[in-house]
C-alpha atoms as a PDB file:
ATOM      1  CA  MET A   1       0.000   0.000   0.000  1.00  0.00           C
ATOM      2  CA  ALA A   2       1.345   3.411  -0.952  1.00  0.00           C
ATOM      3  CA  LEU A   3       1.603   5.538   2.155  1.00  0.00           C
ATOM      4  CA  ASP A   4       1.277   8.701   0.043  1.00  0.00           C
ATOM      5  CA  ASN A   5      -2.426   7.954  -0.390  1.00  0.00           C
ATOM      6  CA  ILE A   6      -3.196   7.573   3.317  1.00  0.00           C
ATOM      7  CA  GLN A   7      -5.653  10.076   4.762  1.00  0.00           C
ATOM      8  CA  PHE A   8      -5.847  11.002   8.449  1.00  0.00           C
ATOM      9  CA  LYS A   9      -9.069  11.604  10.317  1.00  0.00           C
ATOM     10  CA  LEU A  10      -8.164  13.445  13.502  1.00  0.00           C
ATOM     11  CA  GLU A  11     -10.784  13.280  16.261  1.00  0.00           C
ATOM     12  CA  SER A  12     -11.051  16.405  18.451  1.00  0.00           C
ATOM     13  CA  HIS A  13     -10.017  14.442  21.536  1.00  0.00           C
ATOM     14  CA  ALA A  14      -6.844  13.183  19.813  1.00  0.00           C
ATOM     15  CA  TYR A  15      -5.936  16.684  18.672  1.00  0.00           C
ATOM     16  CA  GLU A  16      -6.490  18.164  22.143  1.00  0.00           C
ATOM     17  CA  ARG A  17      -4.374  15.444  23.789  1.00  0.00           C
ATOM     18  CA  TYR A  18      -1.582  15.932  21.245  1.00  0.00           C
ATOM     19  CA  CYS A  19      -1.494  19.662  21.965  1.00  0.00           C
ATOM     20  CA  GLU A  20      -1.500  18.955  25.707  1.00  0.00           C
ATOM     21  CA  ARG A  21       1.007  16.084  25.784  1.00  0.00           C
ATOM     22  CA  VAL A  22       3.339  16.842  22.884  1.00  0.00           C
ATOM     23  CA  ALA A  23       3.136  20.408  21.539  1.00  0.00           C
ATOM     24  CA  PRO A  24       0.537  22.979  20.542  1.00  0.00           C
ATOM     25  CA  VAL A  25       0.190  22.966  16.758  1.00  0.00           C
ATOM     26  CA  SER A  26      -2.534  23.630  14.190  1.00  0.00           C
ATOM     27  CA  LYS A  27      -4.523  20.663  12.868  1.00  0.00           C
ATOM     28  CA  THR A  28      -3.185  21.279   9.365  1.00  0.00           C
ATOM     29  CA  GLU A  29       0.429  21.243  10.579  1.00  0.00           C
ATOM     30  CA  LEU A  30      -0.186  18.113  12.644  1.00  0.00           C
ATOM     31  CA  ILE A  31      -1.687  16.177   9.739  1.00  0.00           C
ATOM     32  CA  SER A  32       1.232  17.212   7.501  1.00  0.00           C
ATOM     33  CA  LYS A  33       3.679  16.062  10.183  1.00  0.00           C
ATOM     34  CA  LEU A  34       1.835  12.754  10.576  1.00  0.00           C
ATOM     35  CA  LYS A  35       2.009  12.091   6.839  1.00  0.00           C
ATOM     36  CA  GLU A  36       5.751  12.802   6.765  1.00  0.00           C
ATOM     37  CA  ASP A  37       6.441  10.719   9.890  1.00  0.00           C
ATOM     38  CA  LEU A  38       4.347   7.826   8.554  1.00  0.00           C
ATOM     39  CA  LYS A  39       6.656   7.575   5.531  1.00  0.00           C
ATOM     40  CA  LYS A  40       9.657   7.277   7.875  1.00  0.00           C
ATOM     41  CA  GLY A  41       8.141   4.311   9.687  1.00  0.00           C
ATOM     42  CA  HIS A  42       5.277   3.225  11.887  1.00  0.00           C
ATOM     43  CA  ARG A  43       4.061   0.410  14.069  1.00  0.00           C
ATOM     44  CA  PHE A  44       0.376  -0.559  14.232  1.00  0.00           C
ATOM     45  CA  ARG A  45      -0.729  -3.259  16.634  1.00  0.00           C
ATOM     46  CA  LYS A  46      -4.172  -3.997  18.083  1.00  0.00           C
ATOM     47  CA  GLY A  47      -5.419  -0.444  17.654  1.00  0.00           C
ATOM     48  CA  TYR A  48      -2.249   1.269  18.867  1.00  0.00           C
ATOM     49  CA  LEU A  49      -0.204   3.273  16.380  1.00  0.00           C
ATOM     50  CA  LEU A  50       3.334   4.572  16.849  1.00  0.00           C
ATOM     51  CA  ILE A  51       4.313   7.329  14.420  1.00  0.00           C
ATOM     52  CA  GLY A  52       7.382   9.506  14.942  1.00  0.00           C
ATOM     53  CA  GLU A  53       7.844   8.604  18.639  1.00  0.00           C
ATOM     54  CA  THR A  54       4.202   9.464  19.399  1.00  0.00           C
ATOM     55  CA  TRP A  55       1.662   6.811  20.419  1.00  0.00           C
ATOM     56  CA  TRP A  56      -1.960   6.998  19.290  1.00  0.00           C
ATOM     57  CA  ARG A  57      -5.105   4.938  19.751  1.00  0.00           C
ATOM     58  CA  ALA A  58      -6.234   4.513  16.166  1.00  0.00           C
ATOM     59  CA  GLY A  59      -8.284   2.642  13.634  1.00  0.00           C
ATOM     60  CA  TRP A  60      -6.964   1.855  10.165  1.00  0.00           C
ATOM     61  CA  GLU A  61      -9.424   0.984   7.409  1.00  0.00           C
ATOM     62  CA  GLY A  62      -8.183   0.932   3.850  1.00  0.00           C
ATOM     63  CA  LYS A  63      -6.560   4.280   3.147  1.00  0.00           C
ATOM     64  CA  VAL A  64      -7.949   6.086   6.223  1.00  0.00           C
ATOM     65  CA  ILE A  65      -6.331   6.234   9.647  1.00  0.00           C
ATOM     66  CA  THR A  66      -8.633   7.574  12.353  1.00  0.00           C
ATOM     67  CA  LEU A  67      -6.839   8.893  15.426  1.00  0.00           C
ATOM     68  CA  PHE A  68      -8.969   8.664  18.579  1.00  0.00           C
ATOM     69  CA  THR A  69      -6.536   9.766  21.283  1.00  0.00           C
ATOM     70  CA  CYS A  70      -2.884  10.645  21.715  1.00  0.00           C
ATOM     71  CA  TYR A  71      -0.773   9.074  24.454  1.00  0.00           C
ATOM     72  CA  GLY A  72       2.157  11.383  23.741  1.00  0.00           C
ATOM     73  CA  ARG A  73       5.867  10.814  23.179  1.00  0.00           C
ATOM     74  CA  THR A  74       7.345   8.176  25.407  1.00  0.00           C
ATOM     75  CA  HIS A  75       9.864   5.353  25.517  1.00  0.00           C
ATOM     76  CA  ILE A  76       7.157   3.140  27.044  1.00  0.00           C
ATOM     77  CA  ASP A  77       5.587   0.394  24.916  1.00  0.00           C
ATOM     78  CA  ILE A  78       2.029   1.714  25.315  1.00  0.00           C
ATOM     79  CA  PRO A  79       0.179  -1.475  24.245  1.00  0.00           C
ATOM     80  CA  GLN A  80       2.150  -3.509  26.794  1.00  0.00           C
ATOM     81  CA  ALA A  81       1.706  -0.846  29.475  1.00  0.00           C
ATOM     82  CA  VAL A  82      -2.067  -0.721  28.948  1.00  0.00           C
ATOM     83  CA  LYS A  83      -2.217  -4.515  29.100  1.00  0.00           C
ATOM     84  CA  TRP A  84      -0.250  -4.491  32.363  1.00  0.00           C
ATOM     85  CA  ALA A  85      -2.414  -1.720  33.855  1.00  0.00           C
ATOM     86  CA  LYS A  86      -5.607  -3.629  33.040  1.00  0.00           C
ATOM     87  CA  ARG A  87      -4.237  -6.844  34.512  1.00  0.00           C
ATOM     88  CA  TYR A  88      -3.309  -5.166  37.800  1.00  0.00           C
ATOM     89  CA  ARG A  89      -6.253  -2.749  37.854  1.00  0.00           C
ATOM     90  CA  ASP A  90      -3.880   0.171  37.686  1.00  0.00           C
ATOM     91  CA  ARG A  91      -3.596   3.270  35.497  1.00  0.00           C
ATOM     92  CA  LEU A  92      -1.009   4.855  33.250  1.00  0.00           C
ATOM     93  CA  ARG A  93       0.200   8.304  34.135  1.00  0.00           C
ATOM     94  CA  LEU A  94       0.857  10.239  30.953  1.00  0.00           C
ATOM     95  CA  GLY A  95       2.356  13.643  30.366  1.00  0.00           C
ATOM     96  CA  SER A  96       5.459  14.654  32.289  1.00  0.00           C
ATOM     97  CA  TYR A  97       5.560  11.246  34.018  1.00  0.00           C
ATOM     98  CA  ALA A  98       5.732   9.294  30.779  1.00  0.00           C
ATOM     99  CA  ASP A  99       9.440   9.873  30.158  1.00  0.00           C
END
């Protein structure tokens, strides 16, 4: 699949969390950055998407990626951390505690 043809659908919640957890930016700039970062590499597993060091909760159907929320930039493997938190009835602390 050609990544040039991928379209992003950015939910309001995902955009707000990105601005809060990563950096304030316009939606247009963010979508452009996502498209560029996607070409450099990505990881999509069980609804979690890693693009350019930023983790997202996402859906990918055909040529459309819908971003539901942003977990921010972190060295943590978010899918594994969420799995662990569910198992032990705990929570993830995101933001300044994520790094």
